[in-house]
PDB file of all heavy atoms in Angstrom:
ATOM      1  N   GLY A   1     117.304 -38.647-202.432  1.00  0.00           N
ATOM      2  CA  GLY A   1     116.713 -38.571-201.145  1.00  0.00           C
ATOM      3  C   GLY A   1     115.651 -39.496-200.738  1.00  0.00           C
ATOM      4  O   GLY A   1     115.208 -39.318-199.530  1.00  0.00           O
ATOM      5  N   LEU A   2     115.337 -40.469-201.499  1.00  0.00           N
ATOM      6  CA  LEU A   2     114.280 -41.366-201.273  1.00  0.00           C
ATOM      7  C   LEU A   2     114.758 -42.760-201.169  1.00  0.00           C
ATOM      8  O   LEU A   2     115.593 -43.127-201.788  1.00  0.00           O
ATOM      9  CB  LEU A   2     113.183 -41.419-202.351  1.00  0.00           C
ATOM     10  CG  LEU A   2     112.482 -40.085-202.716  1.00  0.00           C
ATOM     11  CD1 LEU A   2     111.608 -40.271-203.940  1.00  0.00           C
ATOM     12  CD2 LEU A   2     111.546 -39.785-201.536  1.00  0.00           C
ATOM     13  N   ARG A   3     114.366 -43.408-200.079  1.00  0.00           N
ATOM     14  CA  ARG A   3     114.853 -44.805-199.801  1.00  0.00           C
ATOM     15  C   ARG A   3     114.411 -45.766-200.869  1.00  0.00           C
ATOM     16  O   ARG A   3     113.283 -45.645-201.362  1.00  0.00           O
ATOM     17  CB  ARG A   3     114.326 -45.187-198.361  1.00  0.00           C
ATOM     18  CG  ARG A   3     114.745 -46.565-197.977  1.00  0.00           C
ATOM     19  CD  ARG A   3     114.338 -46.899-196.587  1.00  0.00           C
ATOM     20  NE  ARG A   3     114.720 -48.312-196.348  1.00  0.00           N
ATOM     21  CZ  ARG A   3     114.041 -49.137-195.682  1.00  0.00           C
ATOM     22  NH1 ARG A   3     112.930 -48.755-195.154  1.00  0.00           N
ATOM     23  NH2 ARG A   3     114.528 -50.399-195.453  1.00  0.00           N
ATOM     24  N   THR A   4     115.267 -46.647-201.200  1.00  0.00           N
ATOM     25  CA  THR A   4     114.931 -47.651-202.258  1.00  0.00           C
ATOM     26  C   THR A   4     114.579 -48.982-201.508  1.00  0.00           C
ATOM     27  O   THR A   4     115.077 -49.286-200.489  1.00  0.00           O
ATOM     28  CB  THR A   4     116.093 -47.894-203.200  1.00  0.00           C
ATOM     29  OG1 THR A   4     117.263 -48.374-202.428  1.00  0.00           O
ATOM     30  CG2 THR A   4     116.494 -46.709-204.004  1.00  0.00           C
ATOM     31  N   HIS A   5     113.612 -49.717-202.094  1.00  0.00           N
ATOM     32  CA  HIS A   5     113.219 -50.982-201.665  1.00  0.00           C
ATOM     33  C   HIS A   5     113.380 -51.848-202.843  1.00  0.00           C
ATOM     34  O   HIS A   5     113.037 -51.501-203.981  1.00  0.00           O
ATOM     35  CB  HIS A   5     111.805 -50.970-201.257  1.00  0.00           C
ATOM     36  CG  HIS A   5     111.410 -49.878-200.212  1.00  0.00           C
ATOM     37  ND1 HIS A   5     111.675 -50.136-198.893  1.00  0.00           N
ATOM     38  CD2 HIS A   5     111.030 -48.692-200.268  1.00  0.00           C
ATOM     39  CE1 HIS A   5     111.352 -49.031-198.158  1.00  0.00           C
ATOM     40  NE2 HIS A   5     110.881 -48.232-198.896  1.00  0.00           N
ATOM     41  N   ILE A   6     113.960 -53.024-202.622  1.00  0.00           N
ATOM     42  CA  ILE A   6     114.252 -53.917-203.667  1.00  0.00           C
ATOM     43  C   ILE A   6     113.263 -55.128-203.735  1.00  0.00           C
ATOM     44  O   ILE A   6     113.037 -55.758-202.694  1.00  0.00           O
ATOM     45  CB  ILE A   6     115.648 -54.465-203.643  1.00  0.00           C
ATOM     46  CG1 ILE A   6     116.680 -53.258-203.660  1.00  0.00           C
ATOM     47  CG2 ILE A   6     116.016 -55.473-204.830  1.00  0.00           C
ATOM     48  CD1 ILE A   6     118.066 -53.766-203.330  1.00  0.00           C
ATOM     49  N   LEU A   7     112.691 -55.353-204.885  1.00  0.00           N
ATOM     50  CA  LEU A   7     111.836 -56.517-205.039  1.00  0.00           C
ATOM     51  C   LEU A   7     112.373 -57.344-206.163  1.00  0.00           C
ATOM     52  O   LEU A   7     112.500 -56.970-207.272  1.00  0.00           O
ATOM     53  CB  LEU A   7     110.385 -55.974-205.504  1.00  0.00           C
ATOM     54  CG  LEU A   7     109.439 -57.114-205.847  1.00  0.00           C
ATOM     55  CD1 LEU A   7     109.040 -58.052-204.763  1.00  0.00           C
ATOM     56  CD2 LEU A   7     108.125 -56.591-206.449  1.00  0.00           C
ATOM     57  N   VAL A   8     112.747 -58.608-205.778  1.00  0.00           N
ATOM     58  CA  VAL A   8     113.315 -59.560-206.771  1.00  0.00           C
ATOM     59  C   VAL A   8     112.061 -60.427-207.192  1.00  0.00           C
ATOM     60  O   VAL A   8     111.339 -60.989-206.344  1.00  0.00           O
ATOM     61  CB  VAL A   8     114.326 -60.395-206.283  1.00  0.00           C
ATOM     62  CG1 VAL A   8     114.733 -61.570-207.172  1.00  0.00           C
ATOM     63  CG2 VAL A   8     115.513 -59.534-205.896  1.00  0.00           C
ATOM     64  N   ILE A   9     111.761 -60.494-208.486  1.00  0.00           N
ATOM     65  CA  ILE A   9     110.741 -61.314-209.027  1.00  0.00           C
ATOM     66  C   ILE A   9     111.408 -62.599-209.499  1.00  0.00           C
ATOM     67  O   ILE A   9     112.027 -62.578-210.603  1.00  0.00           O
ATOM     68  CB  ILE A   9     109.890 -60.588-210.187  1.00  0.00           C
ATOM     69  CG1 ILE A   9     109.257 -59.407-209.648  1.00  0.00           C
ATOM     70  CG2 ILE A   9     108.826 -61.505-210.702  1.00  0.00           C
ATOM     71  CD1 ILE A   9     109.895 -58.075-210.075  1.00  0.00           C
ATOM     72  N   ASP A  10     111.387 -63.631-208.752  1.00  0.00           N
ATOM     73  CA  ASP A  10     111.901 -64.936-209.117  1.00  0.00           C
ATOM     74  C   ASP A  10     111.035 -65.641-210.089  1.00  0.00           C
ATOM     75  O   ASP A  10     109.961 -66.046-209.603  1.00  0.00           O
ATOM     76  CB  ASP A  10     112.280 -65.724-207.809  1.00  0.00           C
ATOM     77  CG  ASP A  10     112.761 -67.060-208.149  1.00  0.00           C
ATOM     78  OD1 ASP A  10     113.305 -67.296-209.156  1.00  0.00           O
ATOM     79  OD2 ASP A  10     112.535 -68.002-207.208  1.00  0.00           O
ATOM     80  N   ASP A  11     111.482 -65.785-211.269  1.00  0.00           N
ATOM     81  CA  ASP A  11     110.702 -66.463-212.341  1.00  0.00           C
ATOM     82  C   ASP A  11     110.757 -68.024-212.453  1.00  0.00           C
ATOM     83  O   ASP A  11     111.214 -68.503-213.485  1.00  0.00           O
ATOM     84  CB  ASP A  11     111.020 -65.731-213.659  1.00  0.00           C
ATOM     85  CG  ASP A  11     109.944 -66.036-214.690  1.00  0.00           C
ATOM     86  OD1 ASP A  11     108.811 -66.421-214.331  1.00  0.00           O
ATOM     87  OD2 ASP A  11     110.224 -65.835-215.859  1.00  0.00           O
ATOM     88  N   GLY A  12     110.617 -68.642-211.339  1.00  0.00           N
ATOM     89  CA  GLY A  12     110.577 -70.086-211.309  1.00  0.00           C
ATOM     90  C   GLY A  12     112.037 -70.720-211.107  1.00  0.00           C
ATOM     91  O   GLY A  12     112.238 -71.814-211.573  1.00  0.00           O
ATOM     92  N   SER A  13     112.850 -69.992-210.591  1.00  0.00           N
ATOM     93  CA  SER A  13     114.321 -70.565-210.386  1.00  0.00           C
ATOM     94  C   SER A  13     114.296 -71.746-209.536  1.00  0.00           C
ATOM     95  O   SER A  13     113.530 -71.787-208.529  1.00  0.00           O
ATOM     96  CB  SER A  13     115.165 -69.423-209.808  1.00  0.00           C
ATOM     97  OG  SER A  13     115.283 -68.304-210.620  1.00  0.00           O
ATOM     98  N   ARG A  14     115.332 -72.681-209.747  1.00  0.00           N
ATOM     99  CA  ARG A  14     115.360 -73.813-208.831  1.00  0.00           C
ATOM    100  C   ARG A  14     116.791 -73.836-208.265  1.00  0.00           C
ATOM    101  O   ARG A  14     117.258 -74.795-207.602  1.00  0.00           O
ATOM    102  CB  ARG A  14     115.267 -75.022-209.683  1.00  0.00           C
ATOM    103  CG  ARG A  14     113.835 -75.237-210.175  1.00  0.00           C
ATOM    104  CD  ARG A  14     113.736 -76.591-210.788  1.00  0.00           C
ATOM    105  NE  ARG A  14     112.742 -76.473-211.916  1.00  0.00           N
ATOM    106  CZ  ARG A  14     112.330 -77.413-212.669  1.00  0.00           C
ATOM    107  NH1 ARG A  14     112.863 -78.640-212.453  1.00  0.00           N
ATOM    108  NH2 ARG A  14     111.480 -77.241-213.559  1.00  0.00           N
ATOM    109  N   ASP A  15     117.521 -72.759-208.449  1.00  0.00           N
ATOM    110  CA  ASP A  15     118.947 -72.678-207.970  1.00  0.00           C
ATOM    111  C   ASP A  15     119.166 -71.921-206.730  1.00  0.00           C
ATOM    112  O   ASP A  15     120.367 -71.620-206.406  1.00  0.00           O
ATOM    113  CB  ASP A  15     119.868 -72.083-209.049  1.00  0.00           C
ATOM    114  CG  ASP A  15     119.617 -70.599-209.326  1.00  0.00           C
ATOM    115  OD1 ASP A  15     118.556 -70.155-208.765  1.00  0.00           O
ATOM    116  OD2 ASP A  15     120.408 -69.955-210.038  1.00  0.00           O
ATOM    117  N   GLY A  16     118.122 -71.542-206.047  1.00  0.00           N
ATOM    118  CA  GLY A  16     118.351 -70.746-204.716  1.00  0.00           C
ATOM    119  C   GLY A  16     118.275 -69.283-205.029  1.00  0.00           C
ATOM    120  O   GLY A  16     118.697 -68.495-204.051  1.00  0.00           O
ATOM    121  N   THR A  17     117.906 -68.743-206.156  1.00  0.00           N
ATOM    122  CA  THR A  17     117.857 -67.349-206.420  1.00  0.00           C
ATOM    123  C   THR A  17     117.168 -66.525-205.339  1.00  0.00           C
ATOM    124  O   THR A  17     117.485 -65.544-204.876  1.00  0.00           O
ATOM    125  CB  THR A  17     117.226 -67.034-207.879  1.00  0.00           C
ATOM    126  OG1 THR A  17     118.175 -67.500-208.824  1.00  0.00           O
ATOM    127  CG2 THR A  17     117.049 -65.601-208.048  1.00  0.00           C
ATOM    128  N   ALA A  18     115.925 -67.115-204.977  1.00  0.00           N
ATOM    129  CA  ALA A  18     115.011 -66.387-203.991  1.00  0.00           C
ATOM    130  C   ALA A  18     115.785 -66.336-202.649  1.00  0.00           C
ATOM    131  O   ALA A  18     115.699 -65.333-201.940  1.00  0.00           O
ATOM    132  CB  ALA A  18     113.718 -67.085-203.850  1.00  0.00           C
ATOM    133  N   ASP A  19     116.436 -67.324-202.242  1.00  0.00           N
ATOM    134  CA  ASP A  19     117.098 -67.375-200.924  1.00  0.00           C
ATOM    135  C   ASP A  19     118.258 -66.416-200.912  1.00  0.00           C
ATOM    136  O   ASP A  19     118.433 -65.667-199.898  1.00  0.00           O
ATOM    137  CB  ASP A  19     117.762 -68.729-200.674  1.00  0.00           C
ATOM    138  CG  ASP A  19     116.664 -69.844-200.420  1.00  0.00           C
ATOM    139  OD1 ASP A  19     115.473 -69.450-199.992  1.00  0.00           O
ATOM    140  OD2 ASP A  19     116.918 -71.048-200.728  1.00  0.00           O
ATOM    141  N   VAL A  20     119.061 -66.256-202.079  1.00  0.00           N
ATOM    142  CA  VAL A  20     120.007 -65.345-202.136  1.00  0.00           C
ATOM    143  C   VAL A  20     119.413 -63.857-202.054  1.00  0.00           C
ATOM    144  O   VAL A  20     120.147 -63.066-201.347  1.00  0.00           O
ATOM    145  CB  VAL A  20     120.934 -65.542-203.408  1.00  0.00           C
ATOM    146  CG1 VAL A  20     121.809 -64.323-203.772  1.00  0.00           C
ATOM    147  CG2 VAL A  20     121.710 -66.737-203.368  1.00  0.00           C
ATOM    148  N   ALA A  21     118.431 -63.709-202.691  1.00  0.00           N
ATOM    149  CA  ALA A  21     117.767 -62.317-202.680  1.00  0.00           C
ATOM    150  C   ALA A  21     117.376 -61.913-201.367  1.00  0.00           C
ATOM    151  O   ALA A  21     117.753 -60.817-200.884  1.00  0.00           O
ATOM    152  CB  ALA A  21     116.624 -62.339-203.582  1.00  0.00           C
ATOM    153  N   ARG A  22     116.779 -62.857-200.572  1.00  0.00           N
ATOM    154  CA  ARG A  22     116.288 -62.604-199.185  1.00  0.00           C
ATOM    155  C   ARG A  22     117.576 -62.373-198.320  1.00  0.00           C
ATOM    156  O   ARG A  22     117.467 -61.519-197.464  1.00  0.00           O
ATOM    157  CB  ARG A  22     115.466 -63.772-198.715  1.00  0.00           C
ATOM    158  CG  ARG A  22     114.081 -63.783-199.231  1.00  0.00           C
ATOM    159  CD  ARG A  22     113.290 -64.855-198.463  1.00  0.00           C
ATOM    160  NE  ARG A  22     111.999 -65.108-199.270  1.00  0.00           N
ATOM    161  CZ  ARG A  22     111.963 -66.060-200.188  1.00  0.00           C
ATOM    162  NH1 ARG A  22     112.901 -66.935-200.435  1.00  0.00           N
ATOM    163  NH2 ARG A  22     110.788 -66.244-200.852  1.00  0.00           N
ATOM    164  N   ALA A  23     118.591 -63.128-198.523  1.00  0.00           N
ATOM    165  CA  ALA A  23     119.760 -62.923-197.643  1.00  0.00           C
ATOM    166  C   ALA A  23     120.400 -61.663-197.908  1.00  0.00           C
ATOM    167  O   ALA A  23     121.125 -61.173-196.941  1.00  0.00           O
ATOM    168  CB  ALA A  23     120.834 -64.210-198.020  1.00  0.00           C
ATOM    169  N   HIS A  24     120.159 -60.925-199.011  1.00  0.00           N
ATOM    170  CA  HIS A  24     120.733 -59.710-199.345  1.00  0.00           C
ATOM    171  C   HIS A  24     119.666 -58.555-198.990  1.00  0.00           C
ATOM    172  O   HIS A  24     119.848 -57.397-199.452  1.00  0.00           O
ATOM    173  CB  HIS A  24     121.177 -59.517-200.752  1.00  0.00           C
ATOM    174  CG  HIS A  24     122.500 -60.260-200.916  1.00  0.00           C
ATOM    175  ND1 HIS A  24     122.614 -61.674-201.118  1.00  0.00           N
ATOM    176  CD2 HIS A  24     123.738 -59.869-200.912  1.00  0.00           C
ATOM    177  CE1 HIS A  24     123.810 -61.984-201.301  1.00  0.00           C
ATOM    178  NE2 HIS A  24     124.584 -60.853-201.126  1.00  0.00           N
TER     179      HIS A  24
END
């Protein structure tokens, strides 16, 4: 019954991991 919030900790990726996370 509690809303989830997702935090992706991008550990220095250079492949667009952070952009994909934000897009989702």
